[in-house]
Amino acid sequence: MSAVWKERLVALAPFLKTKKVIVFGTGKGGASVRVALEGNGVAVAGFIDNRVETNGEFNGIPVAAPVSL
């Protein structure tokens, strides 16, 4: 994750702490976003992912398919 995105997440953290946050993707990008969010006190409520094999759970966090939205 770039420094610019990390700065944006830090700036948004106070707002996001009061929301249910869902991250798209369980690959490197999604995992990086989760780590950055949780490192700033923001809980990730779930993931959305296109890959069928990741639907269910990723690192203990629920994963759903986009069609389930």
N, C-alpha and C. Protein backbone atom coordinates (compact mmCIF):
# COMPACT_ATOMS: atom_id res chain seq x y z
N MET A 1 0.85 -1.16 0.00
CA MET A 1 0.00 0.00 0.00
C MET A 1 0.90 1.23 0.00
N SER A 2 0.55 2.18 -0.83
CA SER A 2 1.36 3.39 -0.94
C SER A 2 1.21 4.29 0.28
N ALA A 3 2.17 5.16 0.46
CA ALA A 3 2.14 6.10 1.58
C ALA A 3 0.93 7.02 1.50
N VAL A 4 0.53 7.38 0.29
CA VAL A 4 -0.64 8.25 0.11
C VAL A 4 -1.89 7.58 0.64
N TRP A 5 -2.08 6.31 0.31
CA TRP A 5 -3.28 5.60 0.78
C TRP A 5 -3.25 5.41 2.29
N LYS A 6 -2.07 5.14 2.83
CA LYS A 6 -1.97 5.01 4.29
C LYS A 6 -2.35 6.32 4.98
N GLU A 7 -1.89 7.44 4.43
CA GLU A 7 -2.25 8.74 4.99
C GLU A 7 -3.76 8.96 4.94
N ARG A 8 -4.37 8.57 3.83
CA ARG A 8 -5.82 8.73 3.69
C ARG A 8 -6.57 7.88 4.69
N LEU A 9 -6.12 6.64 4.88
CA LEU A 9 -6.77 5.77 5.86
C LEU A 9 -6.65 6.32 7.28
N VAL A 10 -5.47 6.85 7.61
CA VAL A 10 -5.28 7.43 8.93
C VAL A 10 -6.22 8.63 9.12
N ALA A 11 -6.36 9.44 8.07
CA ALA A 11 -7.24 10.60 8.16
C ALA A 11 -8.71 10.19 8.29
N LEU A 12 -9.09 9.10 7.65
CA LEU A 12 -10.47 8.62 7.70
C LEU A 12 -10.80 7.79 8.93
N ALA A 13 -9.78 7.32 9.62
CA ALA A 13 -9.98 6.39 10.74
C ALA A 13 -11.01 6.86 11.77
N PRO A 14 -10.98 8.12 12.22
CA PRO A 14 -11.98 8.53 13.22
C PRO A 14 -13.42 8.36 12.71
N PHE A 15 -13.66 8.65 11.46
CA PHE A 15 -14.98 8.47 10.85
C PHE A 15 -15.31 6.99 10.70
N LEU A 16 -14.35 6.21 10.20
CA LEU A 16 -14.59 4.79 9.93
C LEU A 16 -14.80 3.97 11.20
N LYS A 17 -14.29 4.43 12.31
CA LYS A 17 -14.46 3.69 13.58
C LYS A 17 -15.92 3.56 13.97
N THR A 18 -16.76 4.42 13.44
CA THR A 18 -18.18 4.39 13.78
C THR A 18 -19.01 3.67 12.73
N LYS A 19 -18.36 3.05 11.74
CA LYS A 19 -19.06 2.41 10.62
C LYS A 19 -18.71 0.93 10.53
N LYS A 20 -19.56 0.19 9.81
CA LYS A 20 -19.24 -1.18 9.44
C LYS A 20 -18.44 -1.11 8.14
N VAL A 21 -17.20 -1.56 8.20
CA VAL A 21 -16.31 -1.46 7.04
C VAL A 21 -16.21 -2.81 6.36
N ILE A 22 -16.46 -2.81 5.06
CA ILE A 22 -16.34 -4.01 4.23
C ILE A 22 -15.25 -3.72 3.20
N VAL A 23 -14.30 -4.63 3.05
CA VAL A 23 -13.18 -4.47 2.13
C VAL A 23 -13.41 -5.37 0.92
N PHE A 24 -13.17 -4.82 -0.29
CA PHE A 24 -13.28 -5.63 -1.49
C PHE A 24 -11.95 -6.29 -1.77
N GLY A 25 -11.96 -7.61 -1.85
CA GLY A 25 -10.78 -8.38 -2.21
C GLY A 25 -10.08 -8.98 -1.00
N THR A 26 -9.64 -10.24 -1.17
CA THR A 26 -8.90 -10.92 -0.11
C THR A 26 -7.46 -11.21 -0.54
N GLY A 27 -7.03 -10.56 -1.62
CA GLY A 27 -5.65 -10.70 -2.08
C GLY A 27 -4.73 -9.78 -1.29
N LYS A 28 -3.56 -9.50 -1.86
CA LYS A 28 -2.57 -8.66 -1.18
C LYS A 28 -3.14 -7.28 -0.85
N GLY A 29 -3.86 -6.69 -1.79
CA GLY A 29 -4.41 -5.35 -1.57
C GLY A 29 -5.41 -5.32 -0.43
N GLY A 30 -6.36 -6.25 -0.47
CA GLY A 30 -7.37 -6.31 0.59
C GLY A 30 -6.76 -6.60 1.95
N ALA A 31 -5.77 -7.50 1.96
CA ALA A 31 -5.10 -7.82 3.23
C ALA A 31 -4.35 -6.61 3.76
N SER A 32 -3.71 -5.85 2.86
CA SER A 32 -2.99 -4.63 3.28
C SER A 32 -3.94 -3.58 3.83
N VAL A 33 -5.09 -3.43 3.18
CA VAL A 33 -6.08 -2.47 3.67
C VAL A 33 -6.57 -2.88 5.04
N ARG A 34 -6.83 -4.16 5.22
CA ARG A 34 -7.29 -4.64 6.53
C ARG A 34 -6.27 -4.35 7.62
N VAL A 35 -5.01 -4.64 7.36
CA VAL A 35 -3.96 -4.40 8.35
C VAL A 35 -3.86 -2.92 8.68
N ALA A 36 -3.92 -2.07 7.64
CA ALA A 36 -3.83 -0.62 7.86
C ALA A 36 -5.03 -0.12 8.66
N LEU A 37 -6.21 -0.60 8.32
CA LEU A 37 -7.41 -0.18 9.05
C LEU A 37 -7.34 -0.61 10.51
N GLU A 38 -7.07 -1.88 10.72
CA GLU A 38 -7.03 -2.40 12.09
C GLU A 38 -5.91 -1.77 12.90
N GLY A 39 -4.81 -1.41 12.23
CA GLY A 39 -3.72 -0.72 12.90
C GLY A 39 -4.09 0.67 13.37
N ASN A 40 -5.19 1.18 12.82
CA ASN A 40 -5.69 2.51 13.21
C ASN A 40 -7.00 2.42 13.96
N GLY A 41 -7.28 1.24 14.52
CA GLY A 41 -8.44 1.07 15.37
C GLY A 41 -9.76 0.89 14.66
N VAL A 42 -9.72 0.57 13.36
CA VAL A 42 -10.94 0.38 12.58
C VAL A 42 -11.17 -1.11 12.37
N ALA A 43 -12.30 -1.62 12.83
CA ALA A 43 -12.62 -3.03 12.67
C ALA A 43 -13.17 -3.30 11.28
N VAL A 44 -12.70 -4.37 10.66
CA VAL A 44 -13.22 -4.78 9.36
C VAL A 44 -14.32 -5.81 9.62
N ALA A 45 -15.54 -5.48 9.18
CA ALA A 45 -16.69 -6.35 9.43
C ALA A 45 -16.75 -7.51 8.45
N GLY A 46 -16.17 -7.34 7.27
CA GLY A 46 -16.22 -8.40 6.28
C GLY A 46 -15.47 -8.05 5.01
N PHE A 47 -15.42 -9.03 4.12
CA PHE A 47 -14.80 -8.87 2.81
C PHE A 47 -15.81 -9.25 1.74
N ILE A 48 -15.65 -8.67 0.57
CA ILE A 48 -16.37 -9.08 -0.64
C ILE A 48 -15.31 -9.55 -1.61
N ASP A 49 -15.51 -10.71 -2.21
CA ASP A 49 -14.51 -11.23 -3.15
C ASP A 49 -15.19 -12.02 -4.26
N ASN A 50 -14.66 -11.86 -5.48
CA ASN A 50 -15.19 -12.57 -6.64
C ASN A 50 -14.82 -14.05 -6.66
N ARG A 51 -13.71 -14.40 -6.03
CA ARG A 51 -13.23 -15.78 -6.09
C ARG A 51 -14.07 -16.67 -5.18
N VAL A 52 -14.65 -17.68 -5.76
CA VAL A 52 -15.53 -18.59 -5.02
C VAL A 52 -14.80 -19.25 -3.86
N GLU A 53 -13.54 -19.60 -4.05
CA GLU A 53 -12.81 -20.32 -3.01
C GLU A 53 -12.57 -19.48 -1.75
N THR A 54 -12.70 -18.16 -1.85
CA THR A 54 -12.50 -17.32 -0.67
C THR A 54 -13.80 -17.00 0.03
N ASN A 55 -14.91 -17.35 -0.55
CA ASN A 55 -16.20 -17.06 0.10
C ASN A 55 -16.36 -17.94 1.32
N GLY A 56 -16.75 -17.34 2.39
CA GLY A 56 -16.89 -18.04 3.66
C GLY A 56 -16.18 -17.27 4.74
N GLU A 57 -14.83 -17.37 4.75
CA GLU A 57 -14.07 -16.71 5.81
C GLU A 57 -12.63 -16.48 5.36
N PHE A 58 -12.05 -15.35 5.78
CA PHE A 58 -10.66 -15.01 5.48
C PHE A 58 -10.06 -14.44 6.76
N ASN A 59 -9.11 -15.14 7.31
CA ASN A 59 -8.49 -14.72 8.58
C ASN A 59 -9.52 -14.45 9.66
N GLY A 60 -10.54 -15.29 9.72
CA GLY A 60 -11.56 -15.17 10.76
C GLY A 60 -12.62 -14.11 10.51
N ILE A 61 -12.58 -13.49 9.33
CA ILE A 61 -13.55 -12.44 8.98
C ILE A 61 -14.43 -12.97 7.85
N PRO A 62 -15.74 -12.78 7.92
CA PRO A 62 -16.65 -13.28 6.89
C PRO A 62 -16.34 -12.72 5.50
N VAL A 63 -16.49 -13.59 4.47
CA VAL A 63 -16.31 -13.20 3.08
C VAL A 63 -17.57 -13.58 2.32
N ALA A 64 -18.06 -12.66 1.50
CA ALA A 64 -19.25 -12.92 0.70
C ALA A 64 -18.97 -12.60 -0.77
N ALA A 65 -19.77 -13.19 -1.63
CA ALA A 65 -19.68 -12.91 -3.07
C ALA A 65 -20.40 -11.60 -3.37
N PRO A 66 -19.96 -10.87 -4.40
CA PRO A 66 -20.62 -9.61 -4.75
C PRO A 66 -22.11 -9.77 -5.03
N VAL A 67 -22.51 -10.90 -5.59
CA VAL A 67 -23.93 -11.09 -5.89
C VAL A 67 -24.80 -11.15 -4.65
N SER A 68 -24.17 -11.37 -3.49
CA SER A 68 -24.95 -11.44 -2.25
C SER A 68 -25.32 -10.06 -1.72
N LEU A 69 -24.76 -9.02 -2.33
CA LEU A 69 -25.11 -7.66 -1.90
C LEU A 69 -26.43 -7.35 -2.45
